[in-house]
Amino acid sequence: MEIFMQLFNIIANVETDVNSGISFNTDFLEANVINILLLLLGLIYVLKEFLGSILVTRQEKVLLAIQESEERLQQANLRLSESEKQLAQAQIVITQIIKEAELTAEKVRQSILDQGKTDIDKLIYASKASISTAEIQIKQQIQLQITSLAIKRVTTQLQNQITPALQTKIIDNNIAQLGGHL
């Protein structure tokens, strides 16, 4: 208010030359200075409330936006912490799966090695048995051939050495042995 009064005093003290065509009327009632001041004060009062309500509304909107942003930030932080927990749990599960996979792979590898050893032992046993069987068969064939050759040789020698008198003697001897058992 003091500013308006000072402004009014400045305007009232200014006097212009009559010859210039513009002059300042110092009579308050004639110049409607009071009306202008009242109008100006009314405008300031109305605009103050209007602008004040607009500013208050704007301030409320800004505060509401800030609160919503803070709430979204808190929710985002909660989701982030939950996601970090889930990530940590997932990493623990992944680590366990990897360990179990390694153990399973080691068990499978050991099982394959054991099965391979068992198969090799079976093959060795089967090979030894086959070799033994083959040796027995070969020995039997050799014995048969030796026996056959021996019989042929003895037969040949006997045919060369047996005389009719010796044949008769052998036949009589065999008959005598059979006669006692009949």
N, C-alpha and C. Protein backbone atom coordinates (compact mmCIF):
# COMPACT_ATOMS: atom_id res chain seq x y z
N MET A 1 0.82 -1.18 0.00
CA MET A 1 0.00 0.00 0.00
C MET A 1 0.86 1.25 0.00
N GLU A 2 1.93 1.18 0.70
CA GLU A 2 2.84 2.33 0.76
C GLU A 2 3.43 2.60 -0.62
N ILE A 3 3.62 1.57 -1.35
CA ILE A 3 4.19 1.73 -2.69
C ILE A 3 3.24 2.52 -3.57
N PHE A 4 1.94 2.23 -3.44
CA PHE A 4 0.95 2.98 -4.24
C PHE A 4 0.90 4.45 -3.83
N MET A 5 1.04 4.66 -2.55
CA MET A 5 1.03 6.04 -2.08
C MET A 5 2.25 6.78 -2.60
N GLN A 6 3.39 6.14 -2.58
CA GLN A 6 4.60 6.79 -3.09
C GLN A 6 4.46 7.05 -4.58
N LEU A 7 3.89 6.10 -5.28
CA LEU A 7 3.68 6.27 -6.72
C LEU A 7 2.73 7.43 -6.98
N PHE A 8 1.69 7.50 -6.20
CA PHE A 8 0.74 8.59 -6.35
C PHE A 8 1.39 9.95 -6.06
N ASN A 9 2.20 10.00 -5.02
CA ASN A 9 2.90 11.25 -4.69
C ASN A 9 3.84 11.66 -5.80
N ILE A 10 4.49 10.71 -6.39
CA ILE A 10 5.41 11.04 -7.49
C ILE A 10 4.62 11.60 -8.65
N ILE A 11 3.51 10.94 -8.98
CA ILE A 11 2.68 11.40 -10.11
C ILE A 11 2.07 12.77 -9.79
N ALA A 12 1.66 12.99 -8.53
CA ALA A 12 1.03 14.24 -8.14
C ALA A 12 2.04 15.38 -8.16
N ASN A 13 3.28 15.14 -7.88
CA ASN A 13 4.30 16.18 -7.83
C ASN A 13 4.81 16.56 -9.20
N VAL A 14 4.54 15.77 -10.17
CA VAL A 14 5.02 16.07 -11.51
C VAL A 14 4.10 17.12 -12.11
N GLU A 15 4.67 18.21 -12.53
CA GLU A 15 3.90 19.27 -13.19
C GLU A 15 4.48 19.44 -14.57
N THR A 16 3.62 19.55 -15.48
CA THR A 16 4.08 19.74 -16.84
C THR A 16 3.70 21.13 -17.31
N ASP A 17 4.33 21.59 -18.31
CA ASP A 17 4.11 22.92 -18.85
C ASP A 17 2.76 22.96 -19.55
N VAL A 18 2.00 24.07 -19.37
CA VAL A 18 0.68 24.23 -19.95
C VAL A 18 0.80 24.27 -21.46
N ASN A 19 1.90 24.77 -21.94
CA ASN A 19 2.10 24.91 -23.36
C ASN A 19 2.34 23.56 -24.04
N SER A 20 2.79 22.61 -23.31
CA SER A 20 3.09 21.32 -23.93
C SER A 20 1.83 20.56 -24.27
N GLY A 21 0.73 20.87 -23.69
CA GLY A 21 -0.52 20.23 -24.03
C GLY A 21 -0.86 19.10 -23.06
N ILE A 22 0.07 18.60 -22.32
CA ILE A 22 -0.22 17.55 -21.36
C ILE A 22 0.07 18.12 -20.00
N SER A 23 -0.92 17.97 -19.13
CA SER A 23 -0.71 18.46 -17.79
C SER A 23 -1.29 17.46 -16.82
N PHE A 24 -0.86 17.60 -15.61
CA PHE A 24 -1.31 16.68 -14.58
C PHE A 24 -2.28 17.41 -13.69
N ASN A 25 -3.44 16.77 -13.49
CA ASN A 25 -4.47 17.36 -12.65
C ASN A 25 -4.19 16.91 -11.23
N THR A 26 -3.96 17.86 -10.33
CA THR A 26 -3.63 17.54 -8.95
C THR A 26 -4.84 17.41 -8.07
N ASP A 27 -5.98 17.65 -8.59
CA ASP A 27 -7.21 17.51 -7.81
C ASP A 27 -7.60 16.03 -7.80
N PHE A 28 -7.63 15.50 -6.57
CA PHE A 28 -7.91 14.06 -6.45
C PHE A 28 -9.30 13.70 -6.91
N LEU A 29 -10.26 14.51 -6.56
CA LEU A 29 -11.63 14.18 -6.87
C LEU A 29 -11.89 14.29 -8.36
N GLU A 30 -11.30 15.27 -9.00
CA GLU A 30 -11.50 15.42 -10.43
C GLU A 30 -10.75 14.36 -11.23
N ALA A 31 -9.63 13.96 -10.80
CA ALA A 31 -8.79 13.04 -11.57
C ALA A 31 -9.20 11.58 -11.38
N ASN A 32 -10.12 11.31 -10.51
CA ASN A 32 -10.55 9.93 -10.21
C ASN A 32 -9.40 9.03 -9.77
N VAL A 33 -8.45 9.63 -9.12
CA VAL A 33 -7.30 8.86 -8.64
C VAL A 33 -7.76 7.87 -7.59
N ILE A 34 -8.69 8.29 -6.74
CA ILE A 34 -9.18 7.39 -5.69
C ILE A 34 -9.90 6.21 -6.35
N ASN A 35 -10.70 6.51 -7.38
CA ASN A 35 -11.41 5.44 -8.07
C ASN A 35 -10.42 4.47 -8.73
N ILE A 36 -9.40 5.05 -9.32
CA ILE A 36 -8.40 4.20 -9.98
C ILE A 36 -7.68 3.35 -8.94
N LEU A 37 -7.34 3.99 -7.79
CA LEU A 37 -6.67 3.23 -6.73
C LEU A 37 -7.58 2.15 -6.18
N LEU A 38 -8.85 2.47 -5.98
CA LEU A 38 -9.77 1.46 -5.49
C LEU A 38 -9.93 0.32 -6.50
N LEU A 39 -10.03 0.72 -7.78
CA LEU A 39 -10.12 -0.29 -8.82
C LEU A 39 -8.86 -1.15 -8.84
N LEU A 40 -7.72 -0.49 -8.74
CA LEU A 40 -6.44 -1.21 -8.73
C LEU A 40 -6.34 -2.11 -7.51
N LEU A 41 -6.74 -1.63 -6.35
CA LEU A 41 -6.70 -2.46 -5.14
C LEU A 41 -7.70 -3.62 -5.26
N GLY A 42 -8.85 -3.37 -5.80
CA GLY A 42 -9.83 -4.43 -6.00
C GLY A 42 -9.31 -5.49 -6.95
N LEU A 43 -8.69 -5.03 -8.04
CA LEU A 43 -8.10 -5.99 -8.98
C LEU A 43 -7.01 -6.82 -8.31
N ILE A 44 -6.17 -6.15 -7.54
CA ILE A 44 -5.09 -6.87 -6.84
C ILE A 44 -5.69 -7.89 -5.88
N TYR A 45 -6.76 -7.45 -5.15
CA TYR A 45 -7.38 -8.36 -4.19
C TYR A 45 -8.01 -9.56 -4.92
N VAL A 46 -8.76 -9.27 -5.97
CA VAL A 46 -9.42 -10.35 -6.72
C VAL A 46 -8.37 -11.22 -7.40
N LEU A 47 -7.41 -10.57 -8.05
CA LEU A 47 -6.38 -11.36 -8.74
C LEU A 47 -5.53 -12.14 -7.75
N LYS A 48 -5.33 -11.51 -6.56
CA LYS A 48 -4.55 -12.21 -5.54
C LYS A 48 -5.25 -13.51 -5.18
N GLU A 49 -6.57 -13.45 -4.93
CA GLU A 49 -7.29 -14.67 -4.58
C GLU A 49 -7.37 -15.62 -5.76
N PHE A 50 -7.61 -15.08 -6.96
CA PHE A 50 -7.68 -15.92 -8.15
C PHE A 50 -6.33 -16.58 -8.43
N LEU A 51 -5.29 -15.73 -8.47
CA LEU A 51 -3.96 -16.27 -8.72
C LEU A 51 -3.52 -17.15 -7.55
N GLY A 52 -3.91 -16.74 -6.34
CA GLY A 52 -3.56 -17.54 -5.17
C GLY A 52 -4.20 -18.91 -5.25
N SER A 53 -5.49 -18.95 -5.63
CA SER A 53 -6.15 -20.26 -5.74
C SER A 53 -5.53 -21.09 -6.86
N ILE A 54 -5.18 -20.41 -7.96
CA ILE A 54 -4.51 -21.13 -9.06
C ILE A 54 -3.16 -21.66 -8.59
N LEU A 55 -2.43 -20.80 -7.87
CA LEU A 55 -1.12 -21.23 -7.36
C LEU A 55 -1.27 -22.35 -6.32
N VAL A 56 -2.28 -22.22 -5.45
CA VAL A 56 -2.51 -23.27 -4.46
C VAL A 56 -2.87 -24.57 -5.17
N THR A 57 -3.76 -24.49 -6.19
CA THR A 57 -4.13 -25.69 -6.96
C THR A 57 -2.90 -26.28 -7.63
N ARG A 58 -2.11 -25.40 -8.22
CA ARG A 58 -0.87 -25.86 -8.90
C ARG A 58 0.08 -26.48 -7.88
N GLN A 59 0.20 -25.84 -6.70
CA GLN A 59 1.07 -26.36 -5.66
C GLN A 59 0.57 -27.73 -5.20
N GLU A 60 -0.75 -27.87 -5.04
CA GLU A 60 -1.32 -29.16 -4.64
C GLU A 60 -1.05 -30.23 -5.69
N LYS A 61 -1.20 -29.82 -6.97
CA LYS A 61 -0.92 -30.78 -8.05
C LYS A 61 0.54 -31.21 -8.03
N VAL A 62 1.42 -30.23 -7.84
CA VAL A 62 2.86 -30.54 -7.81
C VAL A 62 3.17 -31.45 -6.62
N LEU A 63 2.59 -31.11 -5.43
CA LEU A 63 2.82 -31.95 -4.26
C LEU A 63 2.26 -33.36 -4.47
N LEU A 64 1.07 -33.43 -5.08
CA LEU A 64 0.48 -34.73 -5.38
C LEU A 64 1.37 -35.52 -6.35
N ALA A 65 1.88 -34.82 -7.36
CA ALA A 65 2.77 -35.48 -8.33
C ALA A 65 4.04 -35.96 -7.63
N ILE A 66 4.56 -35.14 -6.71
CA ILE A 66 5.77 -35.52 -5.97
C ILE A 66 5.47 -36.74 -5.10
N GLN A 67 4.31 -36.74 -4.42
CA GLN A 67 3.95 -37.88 -3.58
C GLN A 67 3.77 -39.14 -4.41
N GLU A 68 3.11 -38.99 -5.56
CA GLU A 68 2.94 -40.15 -6.44
C GLU A 68 4.29 -40.65 -6.93
N SER A 69 5.18 -39.71 -7.25
CA SER A 69 6.52 -40.10 -7.69
C SER A 69 7.27 -40.82 -6.58
N GLU A 70 7.12 -40.31 -5.34
CA GLU A 70 7.77 -40.96 -4.21
C GLU A 70 7.19 -42.36 -3.98
N GLU A 71 5.86 -42.48 -4.11
CA GLU A 71 5.22 -43.79 -3.95
C GLU A 71 5.70 -44.75 -5.04
N ARG A 72 5.77 -44.25 -6.27
CA ARG A 72 6.26 -45.10 -7.37
C ARG A 72 7.71 -45.48 -7.12
N LEU A 73 8.50 -44.53 -6.59
CA LEU A 73 9.90 -44.83 -6.27
C LEU A 73 9.97 -45.91 -5.20
N GLN A 74 9.13 -45.80 -4.16
CA GLN A 74 9.12 -46.81 -3.11
C GLN A 74 8.70 -48.17 -3.67
N GLN A 75 7.67 -48.16 -4.52
CA GLN A 75 7.22 -49.41 -5.14
C GLN A 75 8.32 -50.00 -6.03
N ALA A 76 8.97 -49.11 -6.77
CA ALA A 76 10.06 -49.58 -7.64
C ALA A 76 11.20 -50.15 -6.79
N ASN A 77 11.49 -49.49 -5.66
CA ASN A 77 12.54 -50.00 -4.78
C ASN A 77 12.13 -51.35 -4.19
N LEU A 78 10.85 -51.48 -3.82
CA LEU A 78 10.36 -52.76 -3.30
C LEU A 78 10.48 -53.85 -4.37
N ARG A 79 10.05 -53.52 -5.59
CA ARG A 79 10.15 -54.50 -6.68
C ARG A 79 11.61 -54.85 -6.96
N LEU A 80 12.47 -53.82 -6.87
CA LEU A 80 13.89 -54.06 -7.10
C LEU A 80 14.45 -54.99 -6.03
N SER A 81 14.10 -54.73 -4.76
CA SER A 81 14.61 -55.59 -3.70
C SER A 81 14.06 -57.01 -3.84
N GLU A 82 12.76 -57.13 -4.21
CA GLU A 82 12.19 -58.45 -4.44
C GLU A 82 12.87 -59.14 -5.61
N SER A 83 13.13 -58.40 -6.65
CA SER A 83 13.81 -58.98 -7.82
C SER A 83 15.22 -59.41 -7.46
N GLU A 84 15.90 -58.61 -6.63
CA GLU A 84 17.24 -58.99 -6.20
C GLU A 84 17.20 -60.26 -5.35
N LYS A 85 16.18 -60.37 -4.49
CA LYS A 85 16.03 -61.59 -3.68
C LYS A 85 15.77 -62.78 -4.59
N GLN A 86 14.88 -62.59 -5.57
CA GLN A 86 14.58 -63.68 -6.50
C GLN A 86 15.81 -64.06 -7.30
N LEU A 87 16.60 -63.05 -7.70
CA LEU A 87 17.83 -63.32 -8.43
C LEU A 87 18.79 -64.12 -7.56
N ALA A 88 18.92 -63.72 -6.30
CA ALA A 88 19.81 -64.45 -5.39
C ALA A 88 19.33 -65.89 -5.22
N GLN A 89 18.01 -66.07 -5.07
CA GLN A 89 17.47 -67.42 -4.93
C GLN A 89 17.69 -68.22 -6.21
N ALA A 90 17.49 -67.56 -7.34
CA ALA A 90 17.70 -68.24 -8.63
C ALA A 90 19.16 -68.65 -8.78
N GLN A 91 20.07 -67.79 -8.34
CA GLN A 91 21.50 -68.13 -8.42
C GLN A 91 21.82 -69.31 -7.51
N ILE A 92 21.19 -69.34 -6.33
CA ILE A 92 21.41 -70.47 -5.43
C ILE A 92 20.89 -71.76 -6.08
N VAL A 93 19.70 -71.68 -6.68
CA VAL A 93 19.13 -72.86 -7.35
C VAL A 93 20.02 -73.29 -8.51
N ILE A 94 20.50 -72.32 -9.27
CA ILE A 94 21.38 -72.64 -10.41
C ILE A 94 22.65 -73.32 -9.92
N THR A 95 23.21 -72.80 -8.82
CA THR A 95 24.42 -73.40 -8.26
C THR A 95 24.15 -74.83 -7.82
N GLN A 96 23.00 -75.05 -7.18
CA GLN A 96 22.64 -76.41 -6.75
C GLN A 96 22.45 -77.32 -7.96
N ILE A 97 21.80 -76.82 -8.99
CA ILE A 97 21.58 -77.62 -10.19
C ILE A 97 22.91 -77.99 -10.83
N ILE A 98 23.82 -77.03 -10.88
CA ILE A 98 25.14 -77.29 -11.47
C ILE A 98 25.87 -78.36 -10.65
N LYS A 99 25.83 -78.23 -9.31
CA LYS A 99 26.49 -79.23 -8.46
C LYS A 99 25.87 -80.61 -8.66
N GLU A 100 24.53 -80.65 -8.69
CA GLU A 100 23.86 -81.94 -8.90
C GLU A 100 24.19 -82.51 -10.27
N ALA A 101 24.26 -81.65 -11.28
CA ALA A 101 24.61 -82.12 -12.63
C ALA A 101 26.03 -82.68 -12.65
N GLU A 102 26.95 -81.99 -11.95
CA GLU A 102 28.32 -82.49 -11.90
C GLU A 102 28.39 -83.82 -11.18
N LEU A 103 27.65 -83.95 -10.05
CA LEU A 103 27.64 -85.22 -9.33
C LEU A 103 27.03 -86.33 -10.19
N THR A 104 25.93 -86.00 -10.86
CA THR A 104 25.30 -87.00 -11.73
C THR A 104 26.24 -87.40 -12.86
N ALA A 105 26.90 -86.42 -13.45
CA ALA A 105 27.85 -86.72 -14.53
C ALA A 105 28.98 -87.61 -14.02
N GLU A 106 29.47 -87.32 -12.81
CA GLU A 106 30.54 -88.14 -12.24
C GLU A 106 30.04 -89.56 -11.97
N LYS A 107 28.81 -89.67 -11.44
CA LYS A 107 28.24 -91.00 -11.18
C LYS A 107 28.07 -91.78 -12.49
N VAL A 108 27.56 -91.10 -13.52
CA VAL A 108 27.37 -91.75 -14.82
C VAL A 108 28.70 -92.17 -15.40
N ARG A 109 29.70 -91.29 -15.29
CA ARG A 109 31.03 -91.62 -15.81
C ARG A 109 31.59 -92.84 -15.07
N GLN A 110 31.46 -92.84 -13.73
CA GLN A 110 31.96 -93.96 -12.95
C GLN A 110 31.20 -95.23 -13.28
N SER A 111 29.87 -95.10 -13.46
CA SER A 111 29.06 -96.26 -13.83
C SER A 111 29.49 -96.83 -15.18
N ILE A 112 29.75 -95.92 -16.12
CA ILE A 112 30.20 -96.37 -17.45
C ILE A 112 31.55 -97.07 -17.34
N LEU A 113 32.46 -96.49 -16.52
CA LEU A 113 33.77 -97.12 -16.35
C LEU A 113 33.63 -98.49 -15.69
N ASP A 114 32.77 -98.57 -14.65
CA ASP A 114 32.56 -99.85 -13.98
C ASP A 114 31.95 -100.87 -14.94
N GLN A 115 30.97 -100.45 -15.71
CA GLN A 115 30.34 -101.34 -16.69
C GLN A 115 31.36 -101.78 -17.74
N GLY A 116 32.22 -100.83 -18.15
CA GLY A 116 33.26 -101.17 -19.11
C GLY A 116 34.22 -102.21 -18.54
N LYS A 117 34.61 -102.04 -17.26
CA LYS A 117 35.49 -103.02 -16.63
C LYS A 117 34.80 -104.38 -16.55
N THR A 118 33.52 -104.35 -16.19
CA THR A 118 32.77 -105.61 -16.10
C THR A 118 32.70 -106.28 -17.47
N ASP A 119 32.41 -105.48 -18.49
CA ASP A 119 32.35 -106.03 -19.85
C ASP A 119 33.70 -106.59 -20.29
N ILE A 120 34.76 -105.87 -19.95
CA ILE A 120 36.11 -106.34 -20.31
C ILE A 120 36.40 -107.65 -19.59
N ASP A 121 36.06 -107.70 -18.28
CA ASP A 121 36.28 -108.94 -17.53
C ASP A 121 35.50 -110.10 -18.14
N LYS A 122 34.24 -109.84 -18.52
CA LYS A 122 33.43 -110.88 -19.17
C LYS A 122 34.07 -111.32 -20.47
N LEU A 123 34.53 -110.35 -21.26
CA LEU A 123 35.17 -110.70 -22.54
C LEU A 123 36.44 -111.51 -22.31
N ILE A 124 37.22 -111.10 -21.29
CA ILE A 124 38.45 -111.85 -21.00
C ILE A 124 38.10 -113.27 -20.57
N TYR A 125 37.09 -113.40 -19.69
CA TYR A 125 36.68 -114.72 -19.23
C TYR A 125 36.17 -115.55 -20.40
N ALA A 126 35.32 -114.92 -21.24
CA ALA A 126 34.80 -115.64 -22.40
C ALA A 126 35.93 -116.03 -23.35
N SER A 127 36.90 -115.13 -23.52
CA SER A 127 38.03 -115.44 -24.40
C SER A 127 38.84 -116.60 -23.84
N LYS A 128 39.09 -116.56 -22.52
CA LYS A 128 39.85 -117.65 -21.90
C LYS A 128 39.09 -118.97 -22.01
N ALA A 129 37.77 -118.89 -21.78
CA ALA A 129 36.96 -120.11 -21.90
C ALA A 129 36.98 -120.61 -23.33
N SER A 130 36.89 -119.70 -24.29
CA SER A 130 36.92 -120.10 -25.70
C SER A 130 38.27 -120.70 -26.06
N ILE A 131 39.32 -120.09 -25.54
CA ILE A 131 40.67 -120.62 -25.81
C ILE A 131 40.82 -122.00 -25.18
N SER A 132 40.32 -122.14 -23.94
CA SER A 132 40.40 -123.45 -23.28
C SER A 132 39.63 -124.50 -24.06
N THR A 133 38.43 -124.14 -24.49
CA THR A 133 37.62 -125.07 -25.28
C THR A 133 38.33 -125.44 -26.58
N ALA A 134 38.91 -124.42 -27.22
CA ALA A 134 39.63 -124.69 -28.47
C ALA A 134 40.83 -125.58 -28.21
N GLU A 135 41.54 -125.34 -27.09
CA GLU A 135 42.70 -126.19 -26.76
C GLU A 135 42.27 -127.63 -26.54
N ILE A 136 41.16 -127.79 -25.80
CA ILE A 136 40.66 -129.14 -25.52
C ILE A 136 40.27 -129.84 -26.83
N GLN A 137 39.59 -129.09 -27.71
CA GLN A 137 39.18 -129.68 -28.98
C GLN A 137 40.40 -130.04 -29.82
N ILE A 138 41.37 -129.13 -29.82
CA ILE A 138 42.59 -129.42 -30.61
C ILE A 138 43.32 -130.63 -30.02
N LYS A 139 43.39 -130.71 -28.68
CA LYS A 139 44.06 -131.86 -28.05
C LYS A 139 43.32 -133.16 -28.40
N GLN A 140 41.98 -133.09 -28.36
CA GLN A 140 41.20 -134.28 -28.71
C GLN A 140 41.43 -134.69 -30.15
N GLN A 141 41.47 -133.67 -31.04
CA GLN A 141 41.70 -133.99 -32.46
C GLN A 141 43.10 -134.58 -32.64
N ILE A 142 44.08 -133.98 -31.91
CA ILE A 142 45.45 -134.52 -32.03
C ILE A 142 45.49 -135.95 -31.48
N GLN A 143 44.81 -136.17 -30.33
CA GLN A 143 44.80 -137.53 -29.76
C GLN A 143 44.13 -138.51 -30.72
N LEU A 144 43.01 -138.03 -31.35
CA LEU A 144 42.34 -138.91 -32.31
C LEU A 144 43.24 -139.24 -33.49
N GLN A 145 43.93 -138.23 -33.98
CA GLN A 145 44.82 -138.48 -35.12
C GLN A 145 45.98 -139.38 -34.71
N ILE A 146 46.52 -139.11 -33.50
CA ILE A 146 47.64 -139.96 -33.04
C ILE A 146 47.15 -141.40 -32.85
N THR A 147 45.95 -141.52 -32.24
CA THR A 147 45.39 -142.87 -32.04
C THR A 147 45.13 -143.54 -33.37
N SER A 148 44.57 -142.77 -34.30
CA SER A 148 44.29 -143.33 -35.61
C SER A 148 45.57 -143.77 -36.31
N LEU A 149 46.57 -142.90 -36.23
CA LEU A 149 47.86 -143.26 -36.84
C LEU A 149 48.50 -144.47 -36.14
N ALA A 150 48.36 -144.47 -34.81
CA ALA A 150 48.96 -145.60 -34.06
C ALA A 150 48.26 -146.90 -34.43
N ILE A 151 46.89 -146.82 -34.54
CA ILE A 151 46.14 -148.02 -34.91
C ILE A 151 46.52 -148.46 -36.31
N LYS A 152 46.67 -147.52 -37.22
CA LYS A 152 47.06 -147.88 -38.58
C LYS A 152 48.44 -148.52 -38.60
N ARG A 153 49.33 -147.95 -37.82
CA ARG A 153 50.68 -148.48 -37.78
C ARG A 153 50.69 -149.88 -37.16
N VAL A 154 49.97 -149.99 -36.05
CA VAL A 154 49.93 -151.30 -35.40
C VAL A 154 49.26 -152.31 -36.34
N THR A 155 48.20 -151.88 -37.01
CA THR A 155 47.51 -152.77 -37.93
C THR A 155 48.45 -153.19 -39.05
N THR A 156 49.16 -152.23 -39.54
CA THR A 156 50.09 -152.55 -40.62
C THR A 156 51.19 -153.49 -40.12
N GLN A 157 51.69 -153.19 -38.92
CA GLN A 157 52.74 -154.06 -38.36
C GLN A 157 52.18 -155.45 -38.06
N LEU A 158 50.95 -155.45 -37.53
CA LEU A 158 50.37 -156.75 -37.21
C LEU A 158 50.11 -157.55 -38.50
N GLN A 159 49.67 -156.89 -39.53
CA GLN A 159 49.42 -157.61 -40.78
C GLN A 159 50.73 -158.16 -41.33
N ASN A 160 51.77 -157.43 -41.12
CA ASN A 160 53.06 -157.90 -41.62
C ASN A 160 53.62 -159.00 -40.71
N GLN A 161 53.35 -158.97 -39.43
CA GLN A 161 53.95 -159.92 -38.48
C GLN A 161 53.04 -161.11 -38.18
N ILE A 162 51.76 -161.05 -38.38
CA ILE A 162 50.87 -162.15 -38.00
C ILE A 162 50.93 -163.22 -39.11
N THR A 163 51.11 -164.35 -38.62
CA THR A 163 51.10 -165.53 -39.48
C THR A 163 49.80 -166.28 -39.22
N PRO A 164 49.43 -167.23 -40.10
CA PRO A 164 48.20 -167.96 -39.85
C PRO A 164 48.26 -168.74 -38.55
N ALA A 165 49.35 -169.21 -38.12
CA ALA A 165 49.45 -169.97 -36.87
C ALA A 165 49.24 -169.03 -35.70
N LEU A 166 49.77 -167.84 -35.77
CA LEU A 166 49.62 -166.86 -34.69
C LEU A 166 48.17 -166.42 -34.62
N GLN A 167 47.49 -166.26 -35.76
CA GLN A 167 46.09 -165.87 -35.78
C GLN A 167 45.25 -166.93 -35.10
N THR A 168 45.49 -168.16 -35.38
CA THR A 168 44.75 -169.24 -34.77
C THR A 168 44.97 -169.25 -33.27
N LYS A 169 46.14 -169.04 -32.84
CA LYS A 169 46.47 -169.03 -31.43
C LYS A 169 45.73 -167.89 -30.74
N ILE A 170 45.65 -166.68 -31.31
CA ILE A 170 44.98 -165.52 -30.72
C ILE A 170 43.48 -165.78 -30.66
N ILE A 171 42.94 -166.39 -31.70
CA ILE A 171 41.50 -166.67 -31.73
C ILE A 171 41.18 -167.67 -30.66
N ASP A 172 41.96 -168.70 -30.52
CA ASP A 172 41.72 -169.71 -29.49
C ASP A 172 41.83 -169.10 -28.11
N ASN A 173 42.75 -168.27 -27.93
CA ASN A 173 42.96 -167.61 -26.64
C ASN A 173 41.74 -166.75 -26.29
N ASN A 174 41.23 -166.03 -27.24
CA ASN A 174 40.05 -165.15 -27.01
C ASN A 174 38.81 -165.99 -26.76
N ILE A 175 38.69 -167.13 -27.46
CA ILE A 175 37.55 -168.00 -27.26
C ILE A 175 37.61 -168.59 -25.86
N ALA A 176 38.75 -168.92 -25.44
CA ALA A 176 38.91 -169.50 -24.09
C ALA A 176 38.53 -168.49 -23.05
N GLN A 177 38.88 -167.25 -23.24
CA GLN A 177 38.53 -166.20 -22.28
C GLN A 177 37.01 -165.97 -22.29
N LEU A 178 36.40 -166.05 -23.46
CA LEU A 178 34.96 -165.84 -23.54
C LEU A 178 34.19 -167.06 -23.02
N GLY A 179 34.72 -168.17 -23.20
CA GLY A 179 34.04 -169.40 -22.79
C GLY A 179 33.89 -169.47 -21.31
N GLY A 180 34.76 -168.96 -20.58
CA GLY A 180 34.67 -169.00 -19.14
C GLY A 180 33.62 -168.03 -18.63
N HIS A 181 33.28 -167.05 -19.39
CA HIS A 181 32.30 -166.04 -18.93
C HIS A 181 30.91 -166.29 -19.48
N LEU A 182 30.78 -167.13 -20.45
CA LEU A 182 29.47 -167.39 -21.02
C LEU A 182 28.75 -168.26 -20.08
